[in-house]
Protein backbone atom coordinates (compact mmCIF):
# COMPACT_ATOMS: atom_id res chain seq x y z
CA MET A 1 80.54 -153.90 -13.70
CA LYS A 2 80.22 -155.27 -17.22
CA TYR A 3 77.94 -158.19 -18.00
CA GLU A 4 77.07 -160.43 -20.92
CA ILE A 5 73.54 -161.81 -20.84
CA GLU A 6 72.10 -164.63 -22.92
CA HIS A 7 68.39 -165.29 -22.67
CA ILE A 8 66.69 -168.14 -24.57
CA ASN A 9 62.93 -168.74 -24.55
CA THR A 10 61.68 -171.84 -26.36
CA PHE A 11 57.99 -172.54 -26.82
CA TYR A 12 56.95 -176.12 -27.59
CA TYR A 13 53.43 -176.47 -29.00
CA GLU A 14 51.26 -179.56 -28.70
CA ASN A 15 50.23 -179.23 -32.34
CA PHE A 16 51.32 -177.13 -35.28
CA VAL A 17 50.29 -173.50 -34.86
CA ASP A 18 50.16 -170.62 -37.30
CA GLN A 19 49.67 -166.86 -37.45
CA SER A 20 51.82 -166.19 -34.41
CA MET A 21 52.12 -162.51 -33.39
CA ASN A 22 54.53 -161.69 -30.59
CA HIS A 23 55.98 -158.79 -28.60
CA ILE A 24 59.18 -159.04 -26.57
CA ARG A 25 60.63 -156.65 -23.98
CA LEU A 26 64.12 -158.03 -23.46
CA LYS A 27 66.40 -155.19 -24.52
CA PRO A 28 68.17 -153.63 -21.50
CA THR A 29 67.83 -149.88 -21.20
CA THR A 30 70.47 -147.17 -21.18
CA ASP A 31 70.17 -144.56 -18.43
CA GLU A 32 72.35 -142.53 -16.07
CA CYS A 33 73.65 -145.67 -14.31
CA GLN A 34 73.53 -148.29 -17.05
CA ARG A 35 74.84 -148.46 -20.61
CA LEU A 36 73.84 -151.00 -23.25
CA SER A 37 76.81 -151.49 -25.61
CA ALA A 38 75.57 -154.48 -27.63
CA TYR A 39 72.25 -156.22 -28.23
CA ARG A 40 71.07 -158.88 -30.65
CA SER A 41 67.77 -160.74 -30.94
CA GLU A 42 67.07 -163.85 -33.03
CA VAL A 43 63.85 -165.70 -33.74
CA LEU A 44 63.31 -169.20 -35.14
CA PRO A 45 61.38 -169.65 -37.39
CA ASN A 46 63.00 -166.59 -38.97
CA SER A 47 61.00 -163.39 -38.78
CA VAL A 48 61.58 -159.68 -39.28
CA MET A 49 61.70 -157.67 -36.05
CA LYS A 50 60.11 -154.23 -35.79
CA GLU A 51 61.10 -152.11 -32.81
CA HIS A 52 59.40 -149.24 -31.03
CA VAL A 53 59.47 -147.54 -27.63
CA ASP A 54 56.27 -147.88 -25.61
CA TYR A 55 54.49 -145.32 -23.41
CA TRP A 56 56.68 -146.20 -20.41
CA GLY A 57 59.93 -145.85 -22.34
CA ASN A 58 60.57 -149.57 -22.78
CA HIS A 59 62.00 -151.10 -25.95
CA VAL A 60 59.47 -153.41 -27.62
CA GLU A 61 60.23 -155.75 -30.53
CA THR A 62 57.35 -157.18 -32.56
CA PHE A 63 57.42 -160.06 -35.01
CA PHE A 64 54.88 -162.09 -36.99
CA ILE A 65 55.25 -165.72 -38.13
CA PRO A 66 52.63 -166.65 -40.76
CA GLU A 67 53.74 -170.22 -41.51
CA LYS A 68 52.95 -173.31 -39.45
CA HIS A 69 55.44 -174.19 -36.71
CA GLN A 70 55.61 -176.49 -33.71
CA HIS A 71 58.24 -174.61 -31.74
CA LEU A 72 59.35 -171.00 -31.38
CA THR A 73 62.73 -169.87 -30.08
CA VAL A 74 63.55 -166.31 -29.06
CA LYS A 75 67.20 -165.69 -28.22
CA THR A 76 68.69 -162.39 -27.07
CA GLN A 77 72.29 -161.47 -26.25
CA SER A 78 73.21 -158.26 -24.44
CA THR A 79 76.33 -156.53 -23.15
CA VAL A 80 75.67 -154.06 -20.34
CA SER A 81 77.86 -151.89 -18.11
CA ILE A 82 76.54 -150.67 -14.73
CA GLN A 83 77.91 -148.19 -12.25
CA LYS A 84 75.84 -147.50 -9.15
CA SER A 85 76.62 -146.50 -5.58
CA PRO A 86 74.62 -147.28 -2.41
CA LEU A 87 72.18 -144.45 -2.01
CA ILE A 88 68.91 -144.74 -0.16
CA LYS A 89 70.21 -145.49 3.36
CA MET A 90 72.37 -142.35 3.12
CA ILE A 91 69.44 -140.04 2.33
CA HIS A 92 67.99 -137.79 5.01
CA PHE A 93 64.34 -136.98 4.31
CA SER A 94 64.51 -133.21 4.67
CA ASP A 95 61.74 -130.69 5.24
CA GLU A 96 62.13 -129.52 1.64
CA MET A 97 61.67 -133.08 0.37
CA ARG A 98 58.64 -133.50 2.62
CA THR A 99 57.03 -130.34 1.20
CA ILE A 100 57.47 -131.63 -2.36
CA PHE A 101 56.26 -135.11 -1.41
CA HIS A 102 52.96 -133.77 -0.02
CA SER A 103 52.33 -131.31 -2.85
CA ASP A 104 49.48 -131.70 -5.34
CA LEU A 105 51.96 -131.25 -8.21
CA PHE A 106 54.07 -134.21 -7.05
CA ARG A 107 51.02 -136.43 -6.68
CA SER A 108 49.52 -135.49 -10.04
CA HIS A 109 52.83 -135.98 -11.85
CA TYR A 110 53.25 -139.54 -10.52
CA LEU A 111 49.58 -140.48 -10.43
CA ALA A 112 50.09 -143.48 -12.73
CA PHE A 113 52.36 -144.99 -10.06
CA LEU A 114 49.96 -144.24 -7.21
CA ASN A 115 46.86 -145.84 -8.68
CA GLU A 116 45.84 -149.42 -7.99
CA THR A 117 46.23 -151.90 -10.87
CA PRO A 118 44.90 -155.46 -11.30
CA TYR A 119 48.24 -157.03 -10.35
CA THR A 120 48.80 -154.77 -7.35
CA PHE A 121 45.27 -155.00 -5.90
CA MET A 122 45.09 -156.04 -2.26
CA TYR A 123 42.18 -155.98 0.17
CA LYS A 124 42.22 -153.19 2.73
CA GLU A 125 42.53 -155.65 5.60
CA GLN A 126 45.59 -157.23 3.95
CA ILE A 127 47.29 -153.86 3.56
CA LYS A 128 46.39 -152.88 7.12
CA GLU A 129 47.91 -156.13 8.39
CA ILE A 130 51.23 -155.17 6.82
CA GLU A 131 51.14 -151.48 7.70
CA GLU A 132 50.47 -152.20 11.38
CA VAL A 133 53.69 -154.18 11.56
CA VAL A 134 55.87 -151.87 9.46
CA GLY A 135 54.70 -148.80 11.36
CA ASP A 136 55.22 -145.08 10.81
CA SER A 137 55.20 -143.83 7.21
CA SER A 138 56.01 -140.17 7.87
CA ASP A 139 59.48 -140.82 6.41
CA PRO A 140 58.83 -142.60 3.09
CA ILE A 141 62.49 -143.58 2.75
CA GLN A 142 62.62 -145.44 6.05
CA PHE A 143 59.11 -146.83 5.53
CA SER A 144 60.17 -148.27 2.15
CA LEU A 145 63.23 -149.92 3.69
CA ASP A 146 61.23 -151.34 6.60
CA LEU A 147 58.50 -152.56 4.25
CA MET A 148 61.06 -154.26 2.00
CA ALA A 149 62.56 -156.07 4.99
CA PHE A 150 59.16 -157.18 6.29
CA ILE A 151 58.00 -158.55 2.93
CA HIS A 152 61.33 -160.33 2.50
CA GLN A 153 60.89 -161.98 5.90
CA SER A 154 57.22 -162.82 5.34
CA ILE A 155 57.32 -164.46 1.91
CA VAL A 156 59.18 -167.68 1.10
CA TYR A 157 60.68 -167.87 -2.38
CA ASP A 158 58.90 -170.78 -4.10
CA GLY A 159 58.32 -171.03 -7.83
CA THR A 160 55.64 -173.73 -7.52
CA VAL A 161 52.82 -171.92 -5.69
CA THR A 162 52.01 -168.95 -7.95
CA GLN A 163 51.57 -168.36 -11.66
CA VAL A 164 52.42 -165.50 -14.00
CA ASN A 165 48.85 -164.15 -13.62
CA THR A 166 48.77 -164.32 -9.79
CA LYS A 167 47.72 -161.03 -8.19
CA ALA A 168 49.07 -159.48 -4.98
CA TYR A 169 45.91 -160.23 -2.98
CA GLU A 170 46.27 -163.90 -3.98
CA SER A 171 49.98 -164.32 -3.25
CA TRP A 172 50.06 -162.56 0.13
CA PRO A 173 47.90 -165.15 2.01
CA LEU A 174 50.15 -167.90 0.61
CA LYS A 175 53.24 -166.20 2.09
CA ALA A 176 55.14 -167.71 -0.84
CA GLY A 177 55.91 -166.84 -4.43
CA VAL A 178 58.55 -165.48 -6.78
CA CYS A 179 60.10 -162.05 -7.33
CA GLN A 180 57.02 -160.86 -9.23
CA ASP A 181 54.85 -161.55 -6.17
CA TYR A 182 57.23 -159.83 -3.74
CA ALA A 183 57.26 -156.74 -5.98
CA HIS A 184 53.49 -156.53 -6.45
CA VAL A 185 52.79 -156.80 -2.71
CA MET A 186 55.36 -154.13 -1.91
CA ILE A 187 54.01 -151.79 -4.59
CA ALA A 188 50.45 -152.21 -3.30
CA VAL A 189 51.41 -151.06 0.20
CA LEU A 190 53.65 -148.22 -0.98
CA ARG A 191 50.89 -146.79 -3.17
CA ASP A 192 48.38 -147.05 -0.34
CA LYS A 193 50.73 -144.80 1.66
CA GLY A 194 50.97 -142.30 -1.20
CA ILE A 195 54.51 -143.31 -2.19
CA PRO A 196 54.92 -143.54 -6.00
CA ALA A 197 56.19 -147.00 -6.87
CA ARG A 198 56.82 -148.82 -10.13
CA TYR A 199 57.57 -152.38 -11.19
CA VAL A 200 60.98 -153.10 -12.74
CA SER A 201 61.89 -156.04 -14.95
CA GLY A 202 65.49 -157.05 -15.52
CA TYR A 203 68.23 -159.54 -14.81
CA LEU A 204 70.10 -160.38 -11.62
CA TYR A 205 73.75 -161.35 -11.42
CA VAL A 206 74.38 -163.97 -8.75
CA GLY A 207 78.10 -164.52 -8.34
CA GLU A 208 79.90 -167.36 -6.64
CA GLY A 209 79.01 -167.49 -2.96
CA SER A 210 76.25 -164.90 -3.34
CA ALA A 211 73.11 -165.15 -1.23
CA LEU A 212 70.98 -163.43 -3.87
CA ILE A 213 68.15 -165.39 -5.50
CA GLY A 214 66.13 -164.81 -8.66
CA ASP A 215 68.52 -165.41 -11.55
CA ALA A 216 66.76 -168.39 -13.16
CA ALA A 217 64.76 -166.12 -15.48
CA THR A 218 64.06 -162.40 -15.62
CA HIS A 219 64.07 -160.78 -12.19
CA ALA A 220 61.70 -158.15 -10.76
CA TRP A 221 62.07 -155.44 -8.15
CA VAL A 222 60.54 -152.10 -7.12
CA GLU A 223 61.51 -148.48 -7.65
CA VAL A 224 60.26 -145.71 -5.35
CA MET A 225 60.24 -142.02 -6.24
CA ILE A 226 62.13 -139.88 -3.73
CA PRO A 227 61.70 -136.10 -4.20
CA GLY A 228 64.95 -134.44 -5.18
CA VAL A 229 66.64 -137.81 -5.77
CA GLY A 230 64.60 -139.71 -8.36
CA TRP A 231 63.71 -143.37 -8.73
CA VAL A 232 65.52 -145.67 -6.30
CA GLY A 233 65.50 -149.44 -6.73
CA LEU A 234 64.65 -151.84 -3.89
CA ASP A 235 64.62 -155.62 -4.22
CA PRO A 236 62.25 -157.21 -1.64
CA THR A 237 63.09 -160.73 -2.82
CA ASN A 238 66.62 -160.24 -1.50
CA ASN A 239 66.09 -157.31 0.90
CA VAL A 240 68.76 -155.21 -0.85
CA GLU A 241 68.98 -151.98 -2.77
CA ALA A 242 69.07 -152.64 -6.53
CA LEU A 243 72.66 -151.81 -7.37
CA GLU A 244 75.35 -153.18 -9.69
CA GLU A 245 73.99 -156.74 -9.69
CA HIS A 246 70.62 -155.58 -11.05
CA ILE A 247 70.45 -155.15 -14.83
CA ARG A 248 67.45 -153.10 -15.84
CA ILE A 249 65.26 -153.94 -18.87
CA GLY A 250 62.26 -151.70 -18.27
CA SER A 251 59.58 -150.51 -15.89
CA GLY A 252 55.85 -149.90 -15.65
CA ARG A 253 52.88 -149.92 -13.34
CA ASP A 254 53.04 -153.70 -12.84
CA TYR A 255 54.06 -156.91 -14.62
CA ALA A 256 51.59 -156.39 -17.45
CA ASP A 257 53.49 -153.30 -18.66
CA VAL A 258 56.87 -155.07 -18.86
CA SER A 259 56.02 -158.70 -19.60
CA PRO A 260 59.10 -160.19 -21.33
CA LEU A 261 57.03 -162.04 -23.92
CA GLN A 262 53.46 -161.50 -25.04
CA GLY A 263 51.77 -163.06 -28.02
CA VAL A 264 48.80 -164.70 -29.64
CA TYR A 265 48.65 -167.68 -31.95
CA ARG A 266 46.15 -170.08 -33.48
CA GLY A 267 46.58 -173.60 -32.22
CA GLY A 268 46.74 -175.82 -29.11
CA GLY A 269 48.58 -175.77 -25.79
CA GLN A 270 52.21 -174.95 -25.16
CA ASN A 271 55.16 -175.46 -22.83
CA LEU A 272 57.88 -172.88 -22.23
CA ASP A 273 61.55 -173.50 -21.47
CA VAL A 274 63.57 -170.51 -20.21
CA LYS A 275 67.35 -170.28 -19.92
CA VAL A 276 69.12 -167.16 -18.65
CA SER A 277 72.86 -166.74 -18.25
CA VAL A 278 74.41 -163.61 -16.74
CA THR A 279 78.22 -163.53 -16.90
CA LEU A 280 80.49 -160.95 -15.28
CA VAL A 281 83.17 -160.02 -17.84
CA ASP A 282 84.78 -156.94 -16.25
CA GLN A 283 84.71 -155.26 -12.85
């Protein structure tokens, strides 16, 4: 699958602002299943971009605008090819995989994705409520699939009830939220069961007649580490494995590590308008 993605973020400020410093993480990654063939970023007012790769391997672009401005537009255009095959439901969790999974070396290597973070914090009683329904976790592959299905069934997709800073323990009682909330709740439970899990930010292609949801802005899903296989993507918002419709930007411990836009400025309030277009150009 080959896609063209256009992503436009426009900030409208109540008053003129100045000394705006910003970081964006909007450049899709290249890995064993995905290839980025073209990428362009533009900023208005004009600014010079400086790029680096962060601790988690994500592309970060930084720019500074010293002059006064009342709006800021960040536009990115990407061309990405993806080739993935269904995987996780075909995996048998073998005795060899189980030995690796329970080893101290495995746990220490993925400790960053086993520890609780502010976004993935949930109260013990909340986690227990979920785990009692999902059941046995002796097979982390099946547990991950069952957990994804349960969270998908339990949470209603609603962009009006949570905010970008909503934590897992806050969104779960609401039983409503967006892809970010689904992912944080799922990660919290996986980590409690000793299953390394990370947060993924990207785009979702929703074709004609598709039942998938989450393409209005950047999408979020979960990756679990399976010994001998690697990171496998699961999308609890849609209860599907993250395959050719999921275009990966980056990953981290939670949303804070892969926030699409972060910045500081001197001035008043703001409003943000986001437009994302994902077009299939070649199958």
